[in-house]
Amino acid sequence: MTTVLNHQTIAAHRLPGYGGVVAMSELGAILYVSGELDGLLGLEHGAAIGRSFLEFVHGDDVEFAVESFAGIGGRSGRHQALHIRVASGDDVIPVDVVPDNRLDDPALTAVLVHVAAPGVESA
């Protein structure tokens, strides 16, 4: 069975107080990006689908992001918030992200990443 990730399948799992959500595969490929994050990433809606989430992490934070996300691989559920920077064009934007491992949830089979950032309104 193929899981379809869209606003409806993601909505019930969104973390209150966080403005957007990204769903990614176990290997870090982006599967879904909520509309609230379009401005943050500086892309047309849907343009990040299929790309690695690491493409959007500031170069100085990539190693930390890789280590942090690797640590949640075998543990389901929400994990501690992480503070990283997103590179969007020439801008560097500090964000708080909460990884939420839902790989074993048949409705999602993804890792949700709840994002709080300046200018991103809470859903």
N, C-alpha and C. Protein backbone atom coordinates (compact mmCIF):
# COMPACT_ATOMS: atom_id res chain seq x y z
N MET A 1 0.84 -1.19 0.00
CA MET A 1 0.00 0.00 0.00
C MET A 1 0.88 1.25 0.00
N THR A 2 0.59 2.17 -0.90
CA THR A 2 1.35 3.40 -0.99
C THR A 2 0.70 4.47 -0.12
N THR A 3 1.48 5.14 0.69
CA THR A 3 0.97 6.20 1.54
C THR A 3 0.97 7.50 0.74
N VAL A 4 -0.14 8.23 0.78
CA VAL A 4 -0.23 9.52 0.12
C VAL A 4 -0.14 10.59 1.21
N LEU A 5 0.93 11.37 1.15
CA LEU A 5 1.11 12.43 2.14
C LEU A 5 0.57 13.73 1.57
N ASN A 6 -0.41 14.28 2.24
CA ASN A 6 -0.98 15.56 1.85
C ASN A 6 -1.47 16.26 3.12
N HIS A 7 -2.08 17.41 2.93
CA HIS A 7 -2.53 18.19 4.08
C HIS A 7 -3.41 17.37 5.02
N GLN A 8 -4.31 16.57 4.44
CA GLN A 8 -5.23 15.80 5.27
C GLN A 8 -4.51 14.72 6.09
N THR A 9 -3.57 14.01 5.49
CA THR A 9 -2.89 12.95 6.23
C THR A 9 -1.94 13.50 7.28
N ILE A 10 -1.43 14.70 7.06
CA ILE A 10 -0.47 15.31 7.98
C ILE A 10 -1.18 16.05 9.12
N ALA A 11 -2.34 16.63 8.85
CA ALA A 11 -3.01 17.54 9.79
C ALA A 11 -3.17 16.98 11.20
N ALA A 12 -3.54 15.74 11.33
CA ALA A 12 -3.78 15.17 12.66
C ALA A 12 -2.51 14.99 13.47
N HIS A 13 -1.38 15.10 12.83
CA HIS A 13 -0.10 14.85 13.50
C HIS A 13 0.71 16.13 13.73
N ARG A 14 0.17 17.27 13.34
CA ARG A 14 0.93 18.52 13.46
C ARG A 14 1.09 18.91 14.93
N LEU A 15 2.23 19.47 15.23
CA LEU A 15 2.56 19.88 16.59
C LEU A 15 2.11 21.32 16.79
N PRO A 16 1.20 21.58 17.73
CA PRO A 16 0.72 22.95 17.97
C PRO A 16 1.89 23.89 18.29
N GLY A 17 1.81 25.09 17.75
CA GLY A 17 2.84 26.10 18.01
C GLY A 17 3.97 26.08 17.01
N TYR A 18 3.98 25.09 16.13
CA TYR A 18 5.00 25.03 15.08
C TYR A 18 4.34 25.38 13.76
N GLY A 19 4.96 26.27 13.01
CA GLY A 19 4.33 26.85 11.84
C GLY A 19 4.25 25.98 10.61
N GLY A 20 5.13 25.03 10.47
CA GLY A 20 5.11 24.22 9.27
C GLY A 20 5.61 22.83 9.56
N VAL A 21 5.47 21.99 8.57
CA VAL A 21 5.93 20.61 8.73
C VAL A 21 6.49 20.10 7.41
N VAL A 22 7.55 19.33 7.54
CA VAL A 22 8.16 18.63 6.41
C VAL A 22 8.07 17.14 6.73
N ALA A 23 7.71 16.35 5.73
CA ALA A 23 7.75 14.89 5.88
C ALA A 23 8.88 14.39 5.01
N MET A 24 9.68 13.49 5.58
CA MET A 24 10.79 12.96 4.79
C MET A 24 10.92 11.46 4.99
N SER A 25 11.58 10.85 4.04
CA SER A 25 11.81 9.41 4.10
C SER A 25 12.88 9.11 5.13
N GLU A 26 13.07 7.83 5.38
CA GLU A 26 14.10 7.39 6.32
C GLU A 26 15.49 7.85 5.88
N LEU A 27 15.68 8.03 4.58
CA LEU A 27 16.97 8.45 4.04
C LEU A 27 17.10 9.97 3.90
N GLY A 28 16.06 10.71 4.29
CA GLY A 28 16.14 12.16 4.27
C GLY A 28 15.60 12.83 3.03
N ALA A 29 14.97 12.08 2.13
CA ALA A 29 14.36 12.69 0.95
C ALA A 29 13.05 13.35 1.36
N ILE A 30 12.83 14.55 0.91
CA ILE A 30 11.62 15.30 1.26
C ILE A 30 10.44 14.73 0.47
N LEU A 31 9.38 14.39 1.21
CA LEU A 31 8.17 13.81 0.63
C LEU A 31 7.01 14.80 0.61
N TYR A 32 7.03 15.77 1.51
CA TYR A 32 5.92 16.72 1.66
C TYR A 32 6.45 17.95 2.37
N VAL A 33 5.97 19.12 1.96
CA VAL A 33 6.29 20.38 2.63
C VAL A 33 4.99 21.16 2.76
N SER A 34 4.65 21.58 3.98
CA SER A 34 3.42 22.36 4.15
C SER A 34 3.61 23.75 3.53
N GLY A 35 2.51 24.31 3.10
CA GLY A 35 2.54 25.60 2.42
C GLY A 35 3.14 26.73 3.24
N GLU A 36 3.07 26.62 4.56
CA GLU A 36 3.61 27.68 5.42
C GLU A 36 5.12 27.85 5.25
N LEU A 37 5.78 26.84 4.72
CA LEU A 37 7.24 26.90 4.61
C LEU A 37 7.74 27.36 3.25
N ASP A 38 6.84 27.62 2.31
CA ASP A 38 7.26 28.04 0.98
C ASP A 38 8.17 29.26 1.02
N GLY A 39 7.79 30.28 1.76
CA GLY A 39 8.59 31.50 1.83
C GLY A 39 9.94 31.27 2.50
N LEU A 40 9.96 30.42 3.51
CA LEU A 40 11.20 30.12 4.23
C LEU A 40 12.23 29.49 3.30
N LEU A 41 11.79 28.55 2.47
CA LEU A 41 12.71 27.84 1.59
C LEU A 41 13.03 28.63 0.32
N GLY A 42 12.21 29.62 0.01
CA GLY A 42 12.45 30.42 -1.19
C GLY A 42 12.20 29.65 -2.47
N LEU A 43 11.29 28.69 -2.43
CA LEU A 43 10.99 27.85 -3.59
C LEU A 43 9.50 27.89 -3.92
N GLU A 44 9.18 27.51 -5.14
CA GLU A 44 7.78 27.31 -5.49
C GLU A 44 7.26 26.12 -4.68
N HIS A 45 5.97 26.13 -4.37
CA HIS A 45 5.40 25.03 -3.59
C HIS A 45 5.63 23.71 -4.32
N GLY A 46 6.15 22.74 -3.59
CA GLY A 46 6.41 21.42 -4.14
C GLY A 46 7.79 21.24 -4.75
N ALA A 47 8.55 22.33 -4.91
CA ALA A 47 9.86 22.23 -5.57
C ALA A 47 10.90 21.48 -4.73
N ALA A 48 10.67 21.35 -3.44
CA ALA A 48 11.63 20.64 -2.58
C ALA A 48 11.39 19.13 -2.57
N ILE A 49 10.26 18.68 -3.09
CA ILE A 49 9.91 17.26 -3.07
C ILE A 49 11.00 16.46 -3.81
N GLY A 50 11.45 15.40 -3.15
CA GLY A 50 12.47 14.53 -3.75
C GLY A 50 13.90 14.94 -3.44
N ARG A 51 14.08 16.15 -2.95
CA ARG A 51 15.43 16.62 -2.62
C ARG A 51 15.78 16.22 -1.19
N SER A 52 17.07 16.20 -0.88
CA SER A 52 17.53 15.89 0.46
C SER A 52 17.27 17.08 1.38
N PHE A 53 16.81 16.80 2.60
CA PHE A 53 16.61 17.89 3.55
C PHE A 53 17.93 18.60 3.85
N LEU A 54 19.05 17.90 3.69
CA LEU A 54 20.35 18.50 3.97
C LEU A 54 20.70 19.63 3.01
N GLU A 55 20.06 19.67 1.84
CA GLU A 55 20.28 20.76 0.90
C GLU A 55 19.85 22.10 1.49
N PHE A 56 18.98 22.07 2.48
CA PHE A 56 18.43 23.30 3.05
C PHE A 56 19.03 23.65 4.40
N VAL A 57 19.88 22.79 4.91
CA VAL A 57 20.54 23.04 6.20
C VAL A 57 21.82 23.82 5.93
N HIS A 58 22.06 24.86 6.73
CA HIS A 58 23.28 25.66 6.59
C HIS A 58 24.49 24.74 6.71
N GLY A 59 25.50 24.98 5.90
CA GLY A 59 26.69 24.14 5.85
C GLY A 59 27.34 23.87 7.20
N ASP A 60 27.35 24.88 8.08
CA ASP A 60 27.96 24.71 9.40
C ASP A 60 27.14 23.80 10.32
N ASP A 61 25.88 23.53 9.95
CA ASP A 61 25.00 22.72 10.79
C ASP A 61 24.74 21.33 10.22
N VAL A 62 25.28 21.02 9.05
CA VAL A 62 24.99 19.74 8.41
C VAL A 62 25.42 18.56 9.27
N GLU A 63 26.64 18.58 9.80
CA GLU A 63 27.13 17.46 10.60
C GLU A 63 26.23 17.24 11.82
N PHE A 64 25.87 18.32 12.50
CA PHE A 64 24.98 18.23 13.66
C PHE A 64 23.62 17.65 13.25
N ALA A 65 23.07 18.11 12.12
CA ALA A 65 21.78 17.60 11.66
C ALA A 65 21.85 16.12 11.33
N VAL A 66 22.91 15.70 10.65
CA VAL A 66 23.06 14.28 10.29
C VAL A 66 23.13 13.43 11.56
N GLU A 67 23.95 13.84 12.51
CA GLU A 67 24.09 13.08 13.76
C GLU A 67 22.77 13.03 14.53
N SER A 68 22.09 14.16 14.59
CA SER A 68 20.83 14.23 15.35
C SER A 68 19.75 13.36 14.74
N PHE A 69 19.60 13.43 13.42
CA PHE A 69 18.55 12.65 12.77
C PHE A 69 18.90 11.17 12.73
N ALA A 70 20.18 10.84 12.65
CA ALA A 70 20.58 9.43 12.70
C ALA A 70 20.20 8.82 14.04
N GLY A 71 20.25 9.61 15.08
CA GLY A 71 19.94 9.12 16.42
C GLY A 71 18.48 8.79 16.66
N ILE A 72 17.57 9.28 15.80
CA ILE A 72 16.15 9.00 16.00
C ILE A 72 15.68 7.81 15.17
N GLY A 73 16.53 7.31 14.30
CA GLY A 73 16.14 6.27 13.35
C GLY A 73 15.39 5.10 13.93
N GLY A 74 15.84 4.57 15.04
CA GLY A 74 15.20 3.39 15.61
C GLY A 74 14.21 3.69 16.72
N ARG A 75 13.93 4.97 16.96
CA ARG A 75 13.05 5.34 18.07
C ARG A 75 11.84 6.10 17.56
N SER A 76 10.67 5.51 17.65
CA SER A 76 9.44 6.14 17.18
C SER A 76 9.03 7.30 18.08
N GLY A 77 8.25 8.20 17.53
CA GLY A 77 7.67 9.30 18.28
C GLY A 77 8.46 10.59 18.17
N ARG A 78 7.99 11.58 18.92
CA ARG A 78 8.61 12.91 18.91
C ARG A 78 9.88 12.91 19.72
N HIS A 79 10.82 13.72 19.26
CA HIS A 79 12.12 13.82 19.91
C HIS A 79 12.39 15.26 20.31
N GLN A 80 13.47 15.47 21.02
CA GLN A 80 13.84 16.79 21.53
C GLN A 80 14.02 17.79 20.38
N ALA A 81 13.60 19.02 20.64
CA ALA A 81 13.76 20.09 19.64
C ALA A 81 15.24 20.33 19.35
N LEU A 82 15.52 20.62 18.11
CA LEU A 82 16.87 20.94 17.67
C LEU A 82 16.90 22.37 17.15
N HIS A 83 18.00 23.02 17.32
CA HIS A 83 18.18 24.39 16.82
C HIS A 83 19.20 24.31 15.69
N ILE A 84 18.73 24.58 14.47
CA ILE A 84 19.62 24.57 13.32
C ILE A 84 19.36 25.83 12.50
N ARG A 85 20.18 26.03 11.50
CA ARG A 85 19.99 27.15 10.58
C ARG A 85 19.68 26.62 9.20
N VAL A 86 18.74 27.29 8.55
CA VAL A 86 18.35 26.95 7.19
C VAL A 86 19.01 27.96 6.26
N ALA A 87 19.56 27.48 5.16
CA ALA A 87 20.13 28.35 4.14
C ALA A 87 19.09 28.51 3.05
N SER A 88 18.67 29.75 2.83
CA SER A 88 17.68 30.06 1.81
C SER A 88 18.24 31.18 0.95
N GLY A 89 18.81 30.82 -0.18
CA GLY A 89 19.49 31.82 -0.99
C GLY A 89 20.66 32.38 -0.21
N ASP A 90 20.72 33.70 -0.07
CA ASP A 90 21.78 34.34 0.71
C ASP A 90 21.42 34.48 2.18
N ASP A 91 20.21 34.11 2.54
CA ASP A 91 19.75 34.25 3.92
C ASP A 91 20.08 33.03 4.75
N VAL A 92 20.38 33.27 6.02
CA VAL A 92 20.58 32.20 6.99
C VAL A 92 19.52 32.43 8.07
N ILE A 93 18.67 31.44 8.25
CA ILE A 93 17.51 31.59 9.13
C ILE A 93 17.57 30.56 10.25
N PRO A 94 17.60 31.03 11.52
CA PRO A 94 17.58 30.08 12.64
C PRO A 94 16.18 29.48 12.78
N VAL A 95 16.12 28.16 12.94
CA VAL A 95 14.83 27.49 13.11
C VAL A 95 14.92 26.48 14.25
N ASP A 96 13.79 26.22 14.85
CA ASP A 96 13.66 25.13 15.81
C ASP A 96 12.90 24.03 15.09
N VAL A 97 13.40 22.81 15.16
CA VAL A 97 12.72 21.69 14.54
C VAL A 97 12.53 20.57 15.56
N VAL A 98 11.40 19.90 15.45
CA VAL A 98 11.12 18.75 16.30
C VAL A 98 10.94 17.54 15.38
N PRO A 99 11.91 16.63 15.39
CA PRO A 99 11.77 15.40 14.60
C PRO A 99 10.72 14.49 15.24
N ASP A 100 9.91 13.88 14.41
CA ASP A 100 8.82 13.03 14.86
C ASP A 100 8.83 11.77 14.00
N ASN A 101 9.45 10.71 14.49
CA ASN A 101 9.61 9.48 13.72
C ASN A 101 8.28 8.73 13.65
N ARG A 102 7.67 8.74 12.48
CA ARG A 102 6.40 8.05 12.24
C ARG A 102 6.57 6.99 11.15
N LEU A 103 7.79 6.45 11.02
CA LEU A 103 8.06 5.45 9.99
C LEU A 103 7.23 4.19 10.18
N ASP A 104 6.89 3.87 11.43
CA ASP A 104 6.10 2.66 11.68
C ASP A 104 4.59 2.91 11.69
N ASP A 105 4.18 4.14 11.42
CA ASP A 105 2.76 4.49 11.34
C ASP A 105 2.30 4.29 9.89
N PRO A 106 1.43 3.31 9.63
CA PRO A 106 1.04 3.03 8.24
C PRO A 106 0.33 4.19 7.55
N ALA A 107 -0.22 5.13 8.31
CA ALA A 107 -0.86 6.29 7.70
C ALA A 107 0.16 7.30 7.19
N LEU A 108 1.41 7.22 7.68
CA LEU A 108 2.42 8.21 7.31
C LEU A 108 3.68 7.59 6.71
N THR A 109 4.24 6.60 7.37
CA THR A 109 5.53 6.00 7.00
C THR A 109 6.55 7.07 6.61
N ALA A 110 6.74 8.03 7.50
CA ALA A 110 7.66 9.14 7.25
C ALA A 110 8.17 9.68 8.57
N VAL A 111 9.20 10.48 8.49
CA VAL A 111 9.66 11.27 9.63
C VAL A 111 9.10 12.66 9.42
N LEU A 112 8.27 13.11 10.35
CA LEU A 112 7.76 14.48 10.29
C LEU A 112 8.76 15.38 11.00
N VAL A 113 8.96 16.56 10.44
CA VAL A 113 9.84 17.55 11.05
C VAL A 113 9.00 18.81 11.22
N HIS A 114 8.64 19.10 12.46
CA HIS A 114 7.85 20.29 12.78
C HIS A 114 8.81 21.47 12.85
N VAL A 115 8.46 22.58 12.21
CA VAL A 115 9.38 23.71 12.06
C VAL A 115 8.77 24.98 12.65
N ALA A 116 9.55 25.65 13.50
CA ALA A 116 9.21 26.98 14.00
C ALA A 116 10.32 27.92 13.55
N ALA A 117 9.92 28.99 12.86
CA ALA A 117 10.90 29.93 12.32
C ALA A 117 10.29 31.32 12.27
N PRO A 118 11.12 32.35 12.30
CA PRO A 118 10.61 33.71 12.19
C PRO A 118 9.80 33.88 10.90
N GLY A 119 8.63 34.46 11.02
CA GLY A 119 7.80 34.73 9.85
C GLY A 119 6.96 33.57 9.38
N VAL A 120 7.06 32.42 10.05
CA VAL A 120 6.25 31.26 9.67
C VAL A 120 5.13 31.14 10.71
N GLU A 121 3.91 31.40 10.25
CA GLU A 121 2.77 31.40 11.16
C GLU A 121 2.41 29.98 11.60
N SER A 122 1.99 29.87 12.86
CA SER A 122 1.55 28.58 13.38
C SER A 122 0.24 28.17 12.74
N ALA A 123 0.15 26.87 12.42
CA ALA A 123 -1.08 26.36 11.77
C ALA A 123 -2.22 26.26 12.75
